[in-house]
Amino acid sequence: MTHAYRDVSTGTWDDGLFRQLSEPAPNAQTLWLRLLCGPETTCVPGVVRATLGGLAERMGWPIEELRRCWEELVRAEMVEADFRDGVIWLPKAPKQRQNRPASPNAGTAWGRLVATLPEGRMREAIRDAYLEAFGDAFGEGKGKAILDAFAKACGKPSAKPSAKASPKPRPKPSEKPSVTPSATPSPIQVSGPRSQDPGLRTQEIRTQSLPPPVLKLPRW
């Protein structure tokens, strides 16, 4: 079903002529309209800075009657609140197509408003709801710029950071080849038939008794 939307000034509720008109008895519908376009609303649709006591005083309703109307909205899951911080939240607001910033500057203004809310569960819920809604609604180009502007202003990245490429492992320094001295060489032996010459035999015996040669290893 297609709906048409109209701009309504938040100043209507404080207009002199409007205030002179007959007032309705406390009811949930009027309270809902107050939360949609009353002077307690902010530039971010669905974010209202008010308490039940403050609303009752401004609207001229007994606090008990206003609480009764409030409970109707709660049962319909139309409102959430953190009255300690004075924040009322309309959780369905981000799902409405008309509730979109018109430009990156508007996205920045919305994000800054969210960032000024008291830190806590309510602020996180509002921020995450709009980030999700904008992420689904906006693509590239101007829409992506609006999303990024809102995310930057409210202090949260608009997308998951890309995984950084893992640094390439440094090559291990090449190990110096270990030089193991070979086994002690066997004494030099003279092959061939032994000579019958005593002098030559003496030389052969001396050659066999020589100490093994010493290996000189290179210095690394």
Protein backbone atom coordinates (compact mmCIF):
# COMPACT_ATOMS: atom_id res chain seq x y z
CA MET A 1 0.00 0.00 0.00
CA THR A 2 1.41 3.36 -1.08
CA HIS A 3 1.33 6.20 1.44
CA ALA A 4 1.65 9.92 0.87
CA TYR A 5 3.59 12.04 3.34
CA ARG A 6 3.23 15.64 4.41
CA ASP A 7 5.53 18.02 6.22
CA VAL A 8 4.18 19.14 9.58
CA SER A 9 5.87 21.88 11.58
CA THR A 10 6.82 20.94 15.12
CA GLY A 11 5.76 24.46 16.06
CA THR A 12 2.12 23.56 15.44
CA TRP A 13 1.75 22.34 19.02
CA ASP A 14 2.87 25.69 20.42
CA ASP A 15 0.99 27.83 17.93
CA GLY A 16 -1.35 30.26 19.64
CA LEU A 17 -4.40 29.49 17.51
CA PHE A 18 -3.87 25.75 17.83
CA ARG A 19 -3.63 26.00 21.61
CA GLN A 20 -6.99 27.81 21.74
CA LEU A 21 -8.77 24.86 20.10
CA SER A 22 -10.55 22.24 22.16
CA GLU A 23 -8.21 19.61 23.48
CA PRO A 24 -8.77 15.86 23.28
CA ALA A 25 -8.91 13.71 26.38
CA PRO A 26 -5.71 11.78 27.03
CA ASN A 27 -5.44 9.01 24.44
CA ALA A 28 -2.71 6.92 22.85
CA GLN A 29 -3.26 8.25 19.32
CA THR A 30 -2.63 11.85 20.32
CA LEU A 31 0.41 10.82 22.31
CA TRP A 32 1.73 8.96 19.27
CA LEU A 33 1.28 12.01 17.06
CA ARG A 34 3.14 14.08 19.66
CA LEU A 35 6.06 11.67 19.49
CA LEU A 36 6.06 11.81 15.70
CA CYS A 37 6.00 15.57 15.17
CA GLY A 38 6.03 17.30 18.54
CA PRO A 39 8.58 19.90 19.68
CA GLU A 40 10.41 17.18 21.65
CA THR A 41 11.47 15.43 18.42
CA THR A 42 14.92 15.82 16.89
CA CYS A 43 16.34 15.97 13.38
CA VAL A 44 16.66 12.17 13.47
CA PRO A 45 13.24 10.58 12.88
CA GLY A 46 12.21 8.42 15.81
CA VAL A 47 14.54 10.03 18.35
CA VAL A 48 12.66 12.04 20.98
CA ARG A 49 14.24 13.84 23.94
CA ALA A 50 11.59 13.75 26.65
CA THR A 51 10.35 12.05 29.81
CA LEU A 52 6.83 11.06 30.74
CA GLY A 53 6.72 13.78 33.38
CA GLY A 54 7.82 16.39 30.87
CA LEU A 55 5.28 15.25 28.29
CA ALA A 56 2.48 15.26 30.84
CA GLU A 57 3.33 18.81 31.86
CA ARG A 58 3.63 20.10 28.29
CA MET A 59 0.45 18.41 27.12
CA GLY A 60 -1.52 19.26 30.24
CA TRP A 61 -2.36 15.62 31.00
CA PRO A 62 -2.39 13.98 34.43
CA ILE A 63 0.70 11.81 34.72
CA GLU A 64 -1.41 8.71 35.47
CA GLU A 65 -3.40 9.17 32.27
CA LEU A 66 -0.28 9.71 30.23
CA ARG A 67 1.25 6.54 31.68
CA ARG A 68 -1.85 4.63 30.66
CA CYS A 69 -1.54 5.87 27.10
CA TRP A 70 2.18 5.14 27.12
CA GLU A 71 1.56 1.53 28.11
CA GLU A 72 -0.70 1.13 25.08
CA LEU A 73 2.19 2.15 22.83
CA VAL A 74 4.58 -0.16 24.65
CA ARG A 75 2.26 -3.14 24.22
CA ALA A 76 2.04 -2.35 20.51
CA GLU A 77 5.88 -2.32 20.37
CA MET A 78 5.79 1.20 18.97
CA VAL A 79 8.09 2.82 21.55
CA GLU A 80 11.12 2.18 23.72
CA ALA A 81 12.61 4.53 26.28
CA ASP A 82 15.41 5.23 28.69
CA PHE A 83 13.79 7.84 30.91
CA ARG A 84 16.91 8.21 33.03
CA ASP A 85 18.65 9.67 29.98
CA GLY A 86 15.49 11.31 28.66
CA VAL A 87 15.51 9.38 25.37
CA ILE A 88 12.41 7.94 23.68
CA TRP A 89 12.94 5.77 20.62
CA LEU A 90 10.47 4.78 17.89
CA PRO A 91 12.14 1.60 16.62
CA LYS A 92 10.18 1.38 13.36
CA ALA A 93 11.34 4.78 12.17
CA PRO A 94 14.48 3.59 10.30
CA LYS A 95 12.36 1.15 8.27
CA GLN A 96 10.28 3.95 6.75
CA ARG A 97 11.53 4.95 3.31
CA GLN A 98 10.81 8.63 3.89
CA ASN A 99 13.16 8.65 6.88
CA ARG A 100 16.38 9.06 4.91
CA PRO A 101 18.86 11.94 4.91
CA ALA A 102 18.63 13.94 1.72
CA SER A 103 22.37 14.63 1.41
CA PRO A 104 25.73 13.78 2.98
CA ASN A 105 25.47 17.00 5.04
CA ALA A 106 22.16 15.80 6.44
CA GLY A 107 23.74 12.44 7.16
CA THR A 108 26.46 14.21 9.12
CA ALA A 109 23.87 16.18 11.11
CA TRP A 110 21.98 13.00 11.95
CA GLY A 111 25.15 11.24 13.03
CA ARG A 112 26.19 14.14 15.24
CA LEU A 113 22.80 14.13 16.95
CA VAL A 114 23.12 10.41 17.69
CA ALA A 115 26.64 10.97 19.02
CA THR A 116 25.33 13.55 21.51
CA LEU A 117 22.90 11.11 23.11
CA PRO A 118 23.93 9.75 26.51
CA GLU A 119 26.21 6.76 26.07
CA GLY A 120 24.44 3.49 26.67
CA ARG A 121 22.26 0.76 25.23
CA MET A 122 19.70 3.15 23.75
CA ARG A 123 22.26 5.14 21.77
CA GLU A 124 23.82 1.97 20.43
CA ALA A 125 20.42 0.62 19.38
CA ILE A 126 19.56 3.83 17.51
CA ARG A 127 22.95 4.03 15.82
CA ASP A 128 22.98 0.39 14.74
CA ALA A 129 19.37 0.49 13.51
CA TYR A 130 20.09 3.40 11.18
CA LEU A 131 23.41 1.98 10.00
CA GLU A 132 21.63 -1.22 9.06
CA ALA A 133 18.77 0.62 7.36
CA PHE A 134 21.11 2.87 5.40
CA GLY A 135 23.30 -0.06 4.44
CA ASP A 136 20.28 -1.83 2.95
CA ALA A 137 18.85 1.25 1.25
CA PHE A 138 21.93 2.99 -0.09
CA GLY A 139 24.26 1.69 -2.75
CA GLU A 140 27.16 3.41 -4.40
CA GLY A 141 27.48 7.08 -5.30
CA LYS A 142 25.49 9.64 -3.32
CA GLY A 143 23.80 7.00 -1.17
CA LYS A 144 27.13 5.55 -0.09
CA ALA A 145 28.38 9.07 0.68
CA ILE A 146 25.34 9.65 2.95
CA LEU A 147 25.95 6.38 4.75
CA ASP A 148 29.64 7.14 5.25
CA ALA A 149 28.88 10.67 6.48
CA PHE A 150 26.41 9.37 9.06
CA ALA A 151 28.74 6.60 10.21
CA LYS A 152 31.71 8.94 10.54
CA ALA A 153 29.73 11.52 12.52
CA CYS A 154 28.29 9.00 14.96
CA GLY A 155 31.65 7.35 15.45
CA LYS A 156 31.24 3.93 13.90
CA PRO A 157 32.58 2.55 10.58
CA SER A 158 29.90 2.04 7.95
CA ALA A 159 31.34 -1.26 6.79
CA LYS A 160 33.45 -4.01 8.12
CA PRO A 161 37.10 -3.18 7.67
CA SER A 162 38.68 -5.21 4.94
CA ALA A 163 41.01 -7.89 6.11
CA LYS A 164 44.56 -6.72 5.86
CA ALA A 165 46.86 -8.85 3.81
CA SER A 166 49.07 -10.84 6.08
CA PRO A 167 52.67 -9.73 5.78
CA LYS A 168 54.84 -12.05 3.82
CA PRO A 169 57.03 -14.12 6.08
CA ARG A 170 60.60 -13.06 6.05
CA PRO A 171 62.88 -15.60 4.48
CA LYS A 172 64.91 -17.42 7.03
CA PRO A 173 68.60 -16.67 6.85
CA SER A 174 70.34 -19.42 5.04
CA GLU A 175 72.12 -21.65 7.42
CA LYS A 176 75.81 -21.97 6.96
CA PRO A 177 76.67 -25.40 5.79
CA SER A 178 78.28 -27.34 8.55
CA VAL A 179 81.59 -28.76 7.63
CA THR A 180 82.23 -32.05 9.30
CA PRO A 181 85.72 -33.25 9.07
CA SER A 182 85.89 -36.54 7.38
CA ALA A 183 87.11 -39.56 9.19
CA THR A 184 90.76 -39.63 9.93
CA PRO A 185 92.37 -40.78 6.72
CA SER A 186 94.08 -44.04 6.86
CA PRO A 187 97.82 -44.06 6.59
CA ILE A 188 99.13 -43.73 3.09
CA GLN A 189 99.90 -47.03 1.61
CA VAL A 190 102.05 -47.65 -1.36
CA SER A 191 100.40 -50.02 -3.75
CA GLY A 192 102.16 -52.34 -6.07
CA PRO A 193 104.64 -55.07 -5.56
CA ARG A 194 107.18 -54.53 -2.84
CA SER A 195 110.62 -53.92 -4.05
CA GLN A 196 113.37 -56.19 -2.91
CA ASP A 197 115.65 -53.21 -2.55
CA PRO A 198 116.18 -52.62 1.22
CA GLY A 199 116.40 -48.86 0.68
CA LEU A 200 113.08 -48.74 -1.02
CA ARG A 201 111.52 -50.93 1.68
CA THR A 202 112.77 -48.56 4.35
CA GLN A 203 111.17 -45.64 2.51
CA GLU A 204 107.90 -47.56 2.25
CA ILE A 205 107.85 -48.25 5.99
CA ARG A 206 108.51 -44.60 6.81
CA THR A 207 105.74 -43.52 4.49
CA GLN A 208 103.29 -45.80 6.22
CA SER A 209 104.16 -44.40 9.65
CA LEU A 210 103.53 -40.76 8.73
CA PRO A 211 100.86 -39.01 10.87
CA PRO A 212 97.54 -38.29 9.18
CA PRO A 213 97.35 -34.97 7.34
CA VAL A 214 95.65 -32.04 9.09
CA LEU A 215 92.52 -30.64 7.38
CA LYS A 216 92.43 -26.89 7.18
CA LEU A 217 88.80 -25.73 7.27
CA PRO A 218 87.84 -22.40 5.71
CA ARG A 219 86.95 -19.62 8.13
CA TRP A 220 83.32 -18.45 7.77
